[in-house]
Amino acid sequence: RAPAVPVTFTWASRGDALQYVYDN
């Protein structure tokens, strides 16, 4: 219930459990 303006910083994750090193 935050009145703040939401901003997401989204870096390049491949969304794959086997891509840990790539995501890091």
mmCIF file of all heavy atoms, coordinates in Angstrom:
data_MODEL
# 
_entry.id   MODEL 
# 
loop_
_atom_site.group_PDB 
_atom_site.id 
_atom_site.type_symbol 
_atom_site.label_atom_id 
_atom_site.label_alt_id 
_atom_site.label_comp_id 
_atom_site.label_asym_id 
_atom_site.label_entity_id 
_atom_site.label_seq_id 
_atom_site.pdbx_PDB_ins_code 
_atom_site.Cartn_x 
_atom_site.Cartn_y 
_atom_site.Cartn_z 
_atom_site.occupancy 
_atom_site.B_iso_or_equiv 
_atom_site.pdbx_formal_charge 
_atom_site.auth_seq_id 
_atom_site.auth_comp_id 
_atom_site.auth_asym_id 
_atom_site.auth_atom_id 
_atom_site.pdbx_PDB_model_num 
ATOM 1   N N   . ARG A 1 1  ? 0.838  -1.211  0.000   1.00 0.00 ? 1  ARG A N   1 
ATOM 2   C CA  . ARG A 1 1  ? 0.000  0.000   0.000   1.00 0.00 ? 1  ARG A CA  1 
ATOM 3   C C   . ARG A 1 1  ? 0.871  1.259   0.000   1.00 0.00 ? 1  ARG A C   1 
ATOM 4   O O   . ARG A 1 1  ? 0.511  2.289   0.575   1.00 0.00 ? 1  ARG A O   1 
ATOM 5   C CB  . ARG A 1 1  ? -0.971 -0.009  1.192   1.00 0.00 ? 1  ARG A CB  1 
ATOM 6   C CG  . ARG A 1 1  ? -1.851 -1.236  1.213   1.00 0.00 ? 1  ARG A CG  1 
ATOM 7   C CD  . ARG A 1 1  ? -2.797 -1.272  2.391   1.00 0.00 ? 1  ARG A CD  1 
ATOM 8   N NE  . ARG A 1 1  ? -2.123 -1.441  3.672   1.00 0.00 ? 1  ARG A NE  1 
ATOM 9   C CZ  . ARG A 1 1  ? -1.617 -2.583  4.124   1.00 0.00 ? 1  ARG A CZ  1 
ATOM 10  N NH1 . ARG A 1 1  ? -1.650 -3.670  3.372   1.00 0.00 ? 1  ARG A NH1 1 
ATOM 11  N NH2 . ARG A 1 1  ? -1.043 -2.648  5.309   1.00 0.00 ? 1  ARG A NH2 1 
ATOM 12  N N   . ALA A 1 2  ? 2.017  1.155   -0.630  1.00 0.00 ? 2  ALA A N   1 
ATOM 13  C CA  . ALA A 1 2  ? 2.954  2.273   -0.689  1.00 0.00 ? 2  ALA A CA  1 
ATOM 14  C C   . ALA A 1 2  ? 2.453  3.323   -1.676  1.00 0.00 ? 2  ALA A C   1 
ATOM 15  O O   . ALA A 1 2  ? 2.107  2.990   -2.810  1.00 0.00 ? 2  ALA A O   1 
ATOM 16  C CB  . ALA A 1 2  ? 4.335  1.783   -1.102  1.00 0.00 ? 2  ALA A CB  1 
ATOM 17  N N   . PRO A 1 3  ? 2.426  4.581   -1.290  1.00 0.00 ? 3  PRO A N   1 
ATOM 18  C CA  . PRO A 1 3  ? 1.986  5.635   -2.213  1.00 0.00 ? 3  PRO A CA  1 
ATOM 19  C C   . PRO A 1 3  ? 3.065  6.036   -3.214  1.00 0.00 ? 3  PRO A C   1 
ATOM 20  O O   . PRO A 1 3  ? 2.857  6.927   -4.025  1.00 0.00 ? 3  PRO A O   1 
ATOM 21  C CB  . PRO A 1 3  ? 1.653  6.793   -1.266  1.00 0.00 ? 3  PRO A CB  1 
ATOM 22  C CG  . PRO A 1 3  ? 2.569  6.589   -0.095  1.00 0.00 ? 3  PRO A CG  1 
ATOM 23  C CD  . PRO A 1 3  ? 2.718  5.100   0.069   1.00 0.00 ? 3  PRO A CD  1 
ATOM 24  N N   . ALA A 1 4  ? 4.214  5.396   -3.162  1.00 0.00 ? 4  ALA A N   1 
ATOM 25  C CA  . ALA A 1 4  ? 5.350  5.783   -3.987  1.00 0.00 ? 4  ALA A CA  1 
ATOM 26  C C   . ALA A 1 4  ? 5.148  5.396   -5.448  1.00 0.00 ? 4  ALA A C   1 
ATOM 27  O O   . ALA A 1 4  ? 4.355  4.515   -5.782  1.00 0.00 ? 4  ALA A O   1 
ATOM 28  C CB  . ALA A 1 4  ? 6.626  5.134   -3.451  1.00 0.00 ? 4  ALA A CB  1 
ATOM 29  N N   . VAL A 1 5  ? 5.896  6.057   -6.326  1.00 0.00 ? 5  VAL A N   1 
ATOM 30  C CA  . VAL A 1 5  ? 5.933  5.699   -7.742  1.00 0.00 ? 5  VAL A CA  1 
ATOM 31  C C   . VAL A 1 5  ? 6.869  4.499   -7.896  1.00 0.00 ? 5  VAL A C   1 
ATOM 32  O O   . VAL A 1 5  ? 8.056  4.592   -7.561  1.00 0.00 ? 5  VAL A O   1 
ATOM 33  C CB  . VAL A 1 5  ? 6.427  6.871   -8.601  1.00 0.00 ? 5  VAL A CB  1 
ATOM 34  C CG1 . VAL A 1 5  ? 6.580  6.451   -10.065 1.00 0.00 ? 5  VAL A CG1 1 
ATOM 35  C CG2 . VAL A 1 5  ? 5.464  8.050   -8.491  1.00 0.00 ? 5  VAL A CG2 1 
ATOM 36  N N   . PRO A 1 6  ? 6.392  3.353   -8.391  1.00 0.00 ? 6  PRO A N   1 
ATOM 37  C CA  . PRO A 1 6  ? 7.244  2.171   -8.501  1.00 0.00 ? 6  PRO A CA  1 
ATOM 38  C C   . PRO A 1 6  ? 8.123  2.196   -9.745  1.00 0.00 ? 6  PRO A C   1 
ATOM 39  O O   . PRO A 1 6  ? 7.656  2.468   -10.848 1.00 0.00 ? 6  PRO A O   1 
ATOM 40  C CB  . PRO A 1 6  ? 6.234  1.014   -8.567  1.00 0.00 ? 6  PRO A CB  1 
ATOM 41  C CG  . PRO A 1 6  ? 4.974  1.622   -9.090  1.00 0.00 ? 6  PRO A CG  1 
ATOM 42  C CD  . PRO A 1 6  ? 4.972  3.064   -8.676  1.00 0.00 ? 6  PRO A CD  1 
ATOM 43  N N   . VAL A 1 7  ? 9.402  1.912   -9.533  1.00 0.00 ? 7  VAL A N   1 
ATOM 44  C CA  . VAL A 1 7  ? 10.377 1.803   -10.621 1.00 0.00 ? 7  VAL A CA  1 
ATOM 45  C C   . VAL A 1 7  ? 11.111 0.481   -10.445 1.00 0.00 ? 7  VAL A C   1 
ATOM 46  O O   . VAL A 1 7  ? 11.554 0.153   -9.345  1.00 0.00 ? 7  VAL A O   1 
ATOM 47  C CB  . VAL A 1 7  ? 11.388 2.963   -10.608 1.00 0.00 ? 7  VAL A CB  1 
ATOM 48  C CG1 . VAL A 1 7  ? 12.422 2.795   -11.719 1.00 0.00 ? 7  VAL A CG1 1 
ATOM 49  C CG2 . VAL A 1 7  ? 10.686 4.312   -10.727 1.00 0.00 ? 7  VAL A CG2 1 
ATOM 50  N N   . THR A 1 8  ? 11.253 -0.278  -11.521 1.00 0.00 ? 8  THR A N   1 
ATOM 51  C CA  . THR A 1 8  ? 11.995 -1.534  -11.495 1.00 0.00 ? 8  THR A CA  1 
ATOM 52  C C   . THR A 1 8  ? 13.256 -1.394  -12.330 1.00 0.00 ? 8  THR A C   1 
ATOM 53  O O   . THR A 1 8  ? 13.193 -0.958  -13.475 1.00 0.00 ? 8  THR A O   1 
ATOM 54  C CB  . THR A 1 8  ? 11.153 -2.694  -12.063 1.00 0.00 ? 8  THR A CB  1 
ATOM 55  O OG1 . THR A 1 8  ? 9.958  -2.825  -11.299 1.00 0.00 ? 8  THR A OG1 1 
ATOM 56  C CG2 . THR A 1 8  ? 11.919 -4.002  -12.013 1.00 0.00 ? 8  THR A CG2 1 
ATOM 57  N N   . PHE A 1 9  ? 14.401 -1.739  -11.729 1.00 0.00 ? 9  PHE A N   1 
ATOM 58  C CA  . PHE A 1 9  ? 15.620 -1.862  -12.512 1.00 0.00 ? 9  PHE A CA  1 
ATOM 59  C C   . PHE A 1 9  ? 15.786 -3.337  -12.821 1.00 0.00 ? 9  PHE A C   1 
ATOM 60  O O   . PHE A 1 9  ? 15.965 -4.168  -11.931 1.00 0.00 ? 9  PHE A O   1 
ATOM 61  C CB  . PHE A 1 9  ? 16.840 -1.349  -11.754 1.00 0.00 ? 9  PHE A CB  1 
ATOM 62  C CG  . PHE A 1 9  ? 18.118 -1.446  -12.559 1.00 0.00 ? 9  PHE A CG  1 
ATOM 63  C CD1 . PHE A 1 9  ? 18.427 -0.482  -13.500 1.00 0.00 ? 9  PHE A CD1 1 
ATOM 64  C CD2 . PHE A 1 9  ? 18.989 -2.518  -12.383 1.00 0.00 ? 9  PHE A CD2 1 
ATOM 65  C CE1 . PHE A 1 9  ? 19.589 -0.576  -14.262 1.00 0.00 ? 9  PHE A CE1 1 
ATOM 66  C CE2 . PHE A 1 9  ? 20.147 -2.618  -13.140 1.00 0.00 ? 9  PHE A CE2 1 
ATOM 67  C CZ  . PHE A 1 9  ? 20.452 -1.646  -14.078 1.00 0.00 ? 9  PHE A CZ  1 
ATOM 68  N N   . THR A 1 10 ? 15.697 -3.691  -14.111 1.00 0.00 ? 10 THR A N   1 
ATOM 69  C CA  . THR A 1 10 ? 15.733 -5.089  -14.504 1.00 0.00 ? 10 THR A CA  1 
ATOM 70  C C   . THR A 1 10 ? 16.915 -5.353  -15.425 1.00 0.00 ? 10 THR A C   1 
ATOM 71  O O   . THR A 1 10 ? 16.948 -4.899  -16.560 1.00 0.00 ? 10 THR A O   1 
ATOM 72  C CB  . THR A 1 10 ? 14.393 -5.531  -15.137 1.00 0.00 ? 10 THR A CB  1 
ATOM 73  O OG1 . THR A 1 10 ? 14.534 -6.848  -15.679 1.00 0.00 ? 10 THR A OG1 1 
ATOM 74  C CG2 . THR A 1 10 ? 13.898 -4.567  -16.189 1.00 0.00 ? 10 THR A CG2 1 
ATOM 75  N N   . TRP A 1 11 ? 17.889 -6.053  -14.889 1.00 0.00 ? 11 TRP A N   1 
ATOM 76  C CA  . TRP A 1 11 ? 19.083 -6.396  -15.632 1.00 0.00 ? 11 TRP A CA  1 
ATOM 77  C C   . TRP A 1 11 ? 18.836 -7.671  -16.446 1.00 0.00 ? 11 TRP A C   1 
ATOM 78  O O   . TRP A 1 11 ? 17.807 -8.321  -16.310 1.00 0.00 ? 11 TRP A O   1 
ATOM 79  C CB  . TRP A 1 11 ? 20.267 -6.547  -14.677 1.00 0.00 ? 11 TRP A CB  1 
ATOM 80  C CG  . TRP A 1 11 ? 19.979 -7.321  -13.432 1.00 0.00 ? 11 TRP A CG  1 
ATOM 81  C CD1 . TRP A 1 11 ? 19.425 -6.854  -12.272 1.00 0.00 ? 11 TRP A CD1 1 
ATOM 82  C CD2 . TRP A 1 11 ? 20.193 -8.719  -13.223 1.00 0.00 ? 11 TRP A CD2 1 
ATOM 83  N NE1 . TRP A 1 11 ? 19.293 -7.863  -11.357 1.00 0.00 ? 11 TRP A NE1 1 
ATOM 84  C CE2 . TRP A 1 11 ? 19.762 -9.032  -11.907 1.00 0.00 ? 11 TRP A CE2 1 
ATOM 85  C CE3 . TRP A 1 11 ? 20.724 -9.740  -14.000 1.00 0.00 ? 11 TRP A CE3 1 
ATOM 86  C CZ2 . TRP A 1 11 ? 19.833 -10.313 -11.373 1.00 0.00 ? 11 TRP A CZ2 1 
ATOM 87  C CZ3 . TRP A 1 11 ? 20.800 -11.031 -13.473 1.00 0.00 ? 11 TRP A CZ3 1 
ATOM 88  C CH2 . TRP A 1 11 ? 20.366 -11.296 -12.175 1.00 0.00 ? 11 TRP A CH2 1 
ATOM 89  N N   . ALA A 1 12 ? 19.818 -8.056  -17.269 1.00 0.00 ? 12 ALA A N   1 
ATOM 90  C CA  . ALA A 1 12 ? 19.580 -9.099  -18.268 1.00 0.00 ? 12 ALA A CA  1 
ATOM 91  C C   . ALA A 1 12 ? 19.699 -10.508 -17.684 1.00 0.00 ? 12 ALA A C   1 
ATOM 92  O O   . ALA A 1 12 ? 20.707 -11.190 -17.847 1.00 0.00 ? 12 ALA A O   1 
ATOM 93  C CB  . ALA A 1 12 ? 20.543 -8.941  -19.440 1.00 0.00 ? 12 ALA A CB  1 
ATOM 94  N N   . SER A 1 13 ? 18.656 -10.941 -17.011 1.00 0.00 ? 13 SER A N   1 
ATOM 95  C CA  . SER A 1 13 ? 18.558 -12.328 -16.559 1.00 0.00 ? 13 SER A CA  1 
ATOM 96  C C   . SER A 1 13 ? 17.856 -13.143 -17.647 1.00 0.00 ? 13 SER A C   1 
ATOM 97  O O   . SER A 1 13 ? 16.861 -12.698 -18.215 1.00 0.00 ? 13 SER A O   1 
ATOM 98  C CB  . SER A 1 13 ? 17.757 -12.412 -15.260 1.00 0.00 ? 13 SER A CB  1 
ATOM 99  O OG  . SER A 1 13 ? 17.398 -13.742 -14.972 1.00 0.00 ? 13 SER A OG  1 
ATOM 100 N N   . ARG A 1 14 ? 18.357 -14.334 -17.914 1.00 0.00 ? 14 ARG A N   1 
ATOM 101 C CA  . ARG A 1 14 ? 17.745 -15.186 -18.928 1.00 0.00 ? 14 ARG A CA  1 
ATOM 102 C C   . ARG A 1 14 ? 16.536 -15.952 -18.392 1.00 0.00 ? 14 ARG A C   1 
ATOM 103 O O   . ARG A 1 14 ? 15.836 -16.623 -19.157 1.00 0.00 ? 14 ARG A O   1 
ATOM 104 C CB  . ARG A 1 14 ? 18.771 -16.179 -19.480 1.00 0.00 ? 14 ARG A CB  1 
ATOM 105 C CG  . ARG A 1 14 ? 19.715 -15.545 -20.502 1.00 0.00 ? 14 ARG A CG  1 
ATOM 106 C CD  . ARG A 1 14 ? 20.695 -16.562 -21.054 1.00 0.00 ? 14 ARG A CD  1 
ATOM 107 N NE  . ARG A 1 14 ? 21.477 -15.974 -22.150 1.00 0.00 ? 14 ARG A NE  1 
ATOM 108 C CZ  . ARG A 1 14 ? 22.649 -16.451 -22.563 1.00 0.00 ? 14 ARG A CZ  1 
ATOM 109 N NH1 . ARG A 1 14 ? 23.178 -17.506 -21.975 1.00 0.00 ? 14 ARG A NH1 1 
ATOM 110 N NH2 . ARG A 1 14 ? 23.286 -15.869 -23.556 1.00 0.00 ? 14 ARG A NH2 1 
ATOM 111 N N   . GLY A 1 15 ? 16.277 -15.876 -17.096 1.00 0.00 ? 15 GLY A N   1 
ATOM 112 C CA  . GLY A 1 15 ? 15.125 -16.582 -16.557 1.00 0.00 ? 15 GLY A CA  1 
ATOM 113 C C   . GLY A 1 15 ? 15.249 -18.084 -16.679 1.00 0.00 ? 15 GLY A C   1 
ATOM 114 O O   . GLY A 1 15 ? 14.297 -18.769 -17.037 1.00 0.00 ? 15 GLY A O   1 
ATOM 115 N N   . ASP A 1 16 ? 16.434 -18.600 -16.362 1.00 0.00 ? 16 ASP A N   1 
ATOM 116 C CA  . ASP A 1 16 ? 16.710 -20.029 -16.508 1.00 0.00 ? 16 ASP A CA  1 
ATOM 117 C C   . ASP A 1 16 ? 17.559 -20.463 -15.320 1.00 0.00 ? 16 ASP A C   1 
ATOM 118 O O   . ASP A 1 16 ? 18.623 -19.895 -15.060 1.00 0.00 ? 16 ASP A O   1 
ATOM 119 C CB  . ASP A 1 16 ? 17.456 -20.277 -17.822 1.00 0.00 ? 16 ASP A CB  1 
ATOM 120 C CG  . ASP A 1 16 ? 17.646 -21.755 -18.132 1.00 0.00 ? 16 ASP A CG  1 
ATOM 121 O OD1 . ASP A 1 16 ? 17.721 -22.562 -17.190 1.00 0.00 ? 16 ASP A OD1 1 
ATOM 122 O OD2 . ASP A 1 16 ? 17.734 -22.097 -19.325 1.00 0.00 ? 16 ASP A OD2 1 
ATOM 123 N N   . ALA A 1 17 ? 17.101 -21.489 -14.591 1.00 0.00 ? 17 ALA A N   1 
ATOM 124 C CA  . ALA A 1 17 ? 17.802 -21.940 -13.396 1.00 0.00 ? 17 ALA A CA  1 
ATOM 125 C C   . ALA A 1 17 ? 19.205 -22.448 -13.678 1.00 0.00 ? 17 ALA A C   1 
ATOM 126 O O   . ALA A 1 17 ? 20.030 -22.539 -12.775 1.00 0.00 ? 17 ALA A O   1 
ATOM 127 C CB  . ALA A 1 17 ? 16.987 -23.031 -12.697 1.00 0.00 ? 17 ALA A CB  1 
ATOM 128 N N   . LEU A 1 18 ? 19.501 -22.793 -14.934 1.00 0.00 ? 18 LEU A N   1 
ATOM 129 C CA  . LEU A 1 18 ? 20.819 -23.290 -15.283 1.00 0.00 ? 18 LEU A CA  1 
ATOM 130 C C   . LEU A 1 18 ? 21.752 -22.195 -15.803 1.00 0.00 ? 18 LEU A C   1 
ATOM 131 O O   . LEU A 1 18 ? 22.851 -22.489 -16.261 1.00 0.00 ? 18 LEU A O   1 
ATOM 132 C CB  . LEU A 1 18 ? 20.700 -24.401 -16.338 1.00 0.00 ? 18 LEU A CB  1 
ATOM 133 C CG  . LEU A 1 18 ? 19.865 -25.616 -15.933 1.00 0.00 ? 18 LEU A CG  1 
ATOM 134 C CD1 . LEU A 1 18 ? 19.894 -26.660 -17.029 1.00 0.00 ? 18 LEU A CD1 1 
ATOM 135 C CD2 . LEU A 1 18 ? 20.364 -26.206 -14.620 1.00 0.00 ? 18 LEU A CD2 1 
ATOM 136 N N   . GLN A 1 19 ? 21.318 -20.939 -15.718 1.00 0.00 ? 19 GLN A N   1 
ATOM 137 C CA  . GLN A 1 19 ? 22.108 -19.824 -16.241 1.00 0.00 ? 19 GLN A CA  1 
ATOM 138 C C   . GLN A 1 19 ? 22.624 -18.925 -15.112 1.00 0.00 ? 19 GLN A C   1 
ATOM 139 O O   . GLN A 1 19 ? 22.693 -17.707 -15.240 1.00 0.00 ? 19 GLN A O   1 
ATOM 140 C CB  . GLN A 1 19 ? 21.264 -19.004 -17.220 1.00 0.00 ? 19 GLN A CB  1 
ATOM 141 C CG  . GLN A 1 19 ? 20.891 -19.744 -18.485 1.00 0.00 ? 19 GLN A CG  1 
ATOM 142 C CD  . GLN A 1 19 ? 22.065 -19.913 -19.428 1.00 0.00 ? 19 GLN A CD  1 
ATOM 143 O OE1 . GLN A 1 19 ? 22.981 -19.104 -19.445 1.00 0.00 ? 19 GLN A OE1 1 
ATOM 144 N NE2 . GLN A 1 19 ? 22.055 -20.985 -20.213 1.00 0.00 ? 19 GLN A NE2 1 
ATOM 145 N N   . TYR A 1 20 ? 23.016 -19.537 -14.005 1.00 0.00 ? 20 TYR A N   1 
ATOM 146 C CA  . TYR A 1 20 ? 23.444 -18.775 -12.832 1.00 0.00 ? 20 TYR A CA  1 
ATOM 147 C C   . TYR A 1 20 ? 24.660 -17.898 -13.146 1.00 0.00 ? 20 TYR A C   1 
ATOM 148 O O   . TYR A 1 20 ? 24.691 -16.720 -12.785 1.00 0.00 ? 20 TYR A O   1 
ATOM 149 C CB  . TYR A 1 20 ? 23.771 -19.735 -11.684 1.00 0.00 ? 20 TYR A CB  1 
ATOM 150 C CG  . TYR A 1 20 ? 24.114 -19.055 -10.383 1.00 0.00 ? 20 TYR A CG  1 
ATOM 151 C CD1 . TYR A 1 20 ? 23.116 -18.725 -9.463  1.00 0.00 ? 20 TYR A CD1 1 
ATOM 152 C CD2 . TYR A 1 20 ? 25.431 -18.738 -10.067 1.00 0.00 ? 20 TYR A CD2 1 
ATOM 153 C CE1 . TYR A 1 20 ? 23.428 -18.100 -8.269  1.00 0.00 ? 20 TYR A CE1 1 
ATOM 154 C CE2 . TYR A 1 20 ? 25.752 -18.107 -8.876  1.00 0.00 ? 20 TYR A CE2 1 
ATOM 155 C CZ  . TYR A 1 20 ? 24.746 -17.797 -7.984  1.00 0.00 ? 20 TYR A CZ  1 
ATOM 156 O OH  . TYR A 1 20 ? 25.064 -17.169 -6.797  1.00 0.00 ? 20 TYR A OH  1 
ATOM 157 N N   . VAL A 1 21 ? 25.661 -18.467 -13.814 1.00 0.00 ? 21 VAL A N   1 
ATOM 158 C CA  . VAL A 1 21 ? 26.874 -17.699 -14.100 1.00 0.00 ? 21 VAL A CA  1 
ATOM 159 C C   . VAL A 1 21 ? 26.578 -16.560 -15.070 1.00 0.00 ? 21 VAL A C   1 
ATOM 160 O O   . VAL A 1 21 ? 27.057 -15.430 -14.887 1.00 0.00 ? 21 VAL A O   1 
ATOM 161 C CB  . VAL A 1 21 ? 27.979 -18.618 -14.650 1.00 0.00 ? 21 VAL A CB  1 
ATOM 162 C CG1 . VAL A 1 21 ? 29.195 -17.803 -15.069 1.00 0.00 ? 21 VAL A CG1 1 
ATOM 163 C CG2 . VAL A 1 21 ? 28.381 -19.650 -13.594 1.00 0.00 ? 21 VAL A CG2 1 
ATOM 164 N N   . TYR A 1 22 ? 25.783 -16.835 -16.105 1.00 0.00 ? 22 TYR A N   1 
ATOM 165 C CA  . TYR A 1 22 ? 25.403 -15.776 -17.044 1.00 0.00 ? 22 TYR A CA  1 
ATOM 166 C C   . TYR A 1 22 ? 24.689 -14.645 -16.300 1.00 0.00 ? 22 TYR A C   1 
ATOM 167 O O   . TYR A 1 22 ? 24.998 -13.462 -16.493 1.00 0.00 ? 22 TYR A O   1 
ATOM 168 C CB  . TYR A 1 22 ? 24.487 -16.334 -18.131 1.00 0.00 ? 22 TYR A CB  1 
ATOM 169 C CG  . TYR A 1 22 ? 23.919 -15.260 -19.040 1.00 0.00 ? 22 TYR A CG  1 
ATOM 170 C CD1 . TYR A 1 22 ? 24.614 -14.819 -20.162 1.00 0.00 ? 22 TYR A CD1 1 
ATOM 171 C CD2 . TYR A 1 22 ? 22.673 -14.670 -18.769 1.00 0.00 ? 22 TYR A CD2 1 
ATOM 172 C CE1 . TYR A 1 22 ? 24.105 -13.819 -20.979 1.00 0.00 ? 22 TYR A CE1 1 
ATOM 173 C CE2 . TYR A 1 22 ? 22.158 -13.679 -19.589 1.00 0.00 ? 22 TYR A CE2 1 
ATOM 174 C CZ  . TYR A 1 22 ? 22.874 -13.255 -20.691 1.00 0.00 ? 22 TYR A CZ  1 
ATOM 175 O OH  . TYR A 1 22 ? 22.361 -12.267 -21.486 1.00 0.00 ? 22 TYR A OH  1 
ATOM 176 N N   . ASP A 1 23 ? 23.728 -14.999 -15.448 1.00 0.00 ? 23 ASP A N   1 
ATOM 177 C CA  . ASP A 1 23 ? 22.996 -13.976 -14.712 1.00 0.00 ? 23 ASP A CA  1 
ATOM 178 C C   . ASP A 1 23 ? 23.913 -13.171 -13.801 1.00 0.00 ? 23 ASP A C   1 
ATOM 179 O O   . ASP A 1 23 ? 23.802 -11.935 -13.715 1.00 0.00 ? 23 ASP A O   1 
ATOM 180 C CB  . ASP A 1 23 ? 21.882 -14.626 -13.876 1.00 0.00 ? 23 ASP A CB  1 
ATOM 181 C CG  . ASP A 1 23 ? 20.605 -14.834 -14.663 1.00 0.00 ? 23 ASP A CG  1 
ATOM 182 O OD1 . ASP A 1 23 ? 20.657 -14.833 -15.911 1.00 0.00 ? 23 ASP A OD1 1 
ATOM 183 O OD2 . ASP A 1 23 ? 19.532 -15.010 -14.031 1.00 0.00 ? 23 ASP A OD2 1 
ATOM 184 N N   . ASN A 1 24 ? 24.824 -13.847 -13.119 1.00 0.00 ? 24 ASN A N   1 
ATOM 185 C CA  . ASN A 1 24 ? 25.740 -13.145 -12.231 1.00 0.00 ? 24 ASN A CA  1 
ATOM 186 C C   . ASN A 1 24 ? 26.597 -12.148 -13.004 1.00 0.00 ? 24 ASN A C   1 
ATOM 187 O O   . ASN A 1 24 ? 26.799 -11.003 -12.567 1.00 0.00 ? 24 ASN A O   1 
ATOM 188 C CB  . ASN A 1 24 ? 26.627 -14.162 -11.506 1.00 0.00 ? 24 ASN A CB  1 
ATOM 189 C CG  . ASN A 1 24 ? 27.512 -13.511 -10.457 1.00 0.00 ? 24 ASN A CG  1 
ATOM 190 O OD1 . ASN A 1 24 ? 28.666 -13.196 -10.713 1.00 0.00 ? 24 ASN A OD1 1 
ATOM 191 N ND2 . ASN A 1 24 ? 26.968 -13.304 -9.271  1.00 0.00 ? 24 ASN A ND2 1 
# 
